[in-house]
Amino acid sequence: QVQLVETGGGLVQAGGSLRLSCTASGRTLSSRDTMAWFRQVPGKEREFVAALRWSNSRPWYGDSMKDRFTFSRENAKNTVSLQMTNLEPEDTAVYSCALGQPIVSAARLPSAYTYWGQGTQVTVSS
């Protein structure tokens, strides 16, 4: 059974940084897999943060994260990290990692992912 476990959330002041990690267990990831981060605040839909194809480790980002977030893969492990810098109060949300095999055009959609972590809270104070 595939499980995703996130770590690294917490409380930070505006302008600060946090690093989230997500580890997949239960099977070895393959070149067909994509790992992604989404975030959600109460009453709103999940928002795409970033995704990374296991085949080439090249990430792509949501529009407001591109210059502040870095999504990377840890070599030889089923682990990815999301380094978030210059955080803003608007970044406050529950961040969840996801695993699936979406086609490129669907990779920003939560429905394209099969497995989800439990989520980790990120709170940015002003």
Foldseek 3Di string as FASTA:
>chain_A
DKAKAKDWADEEAAQAKTKMKIAIDDDDDDQLKKKFKWWDDPPDDIFGAKMAGPNPQDMDGDDVQRVFWDWGDDPPGRMIMIIGGSDDQVPWTWMKMFMARADPVCVRPPVRTDYIHPTDTHGYHD
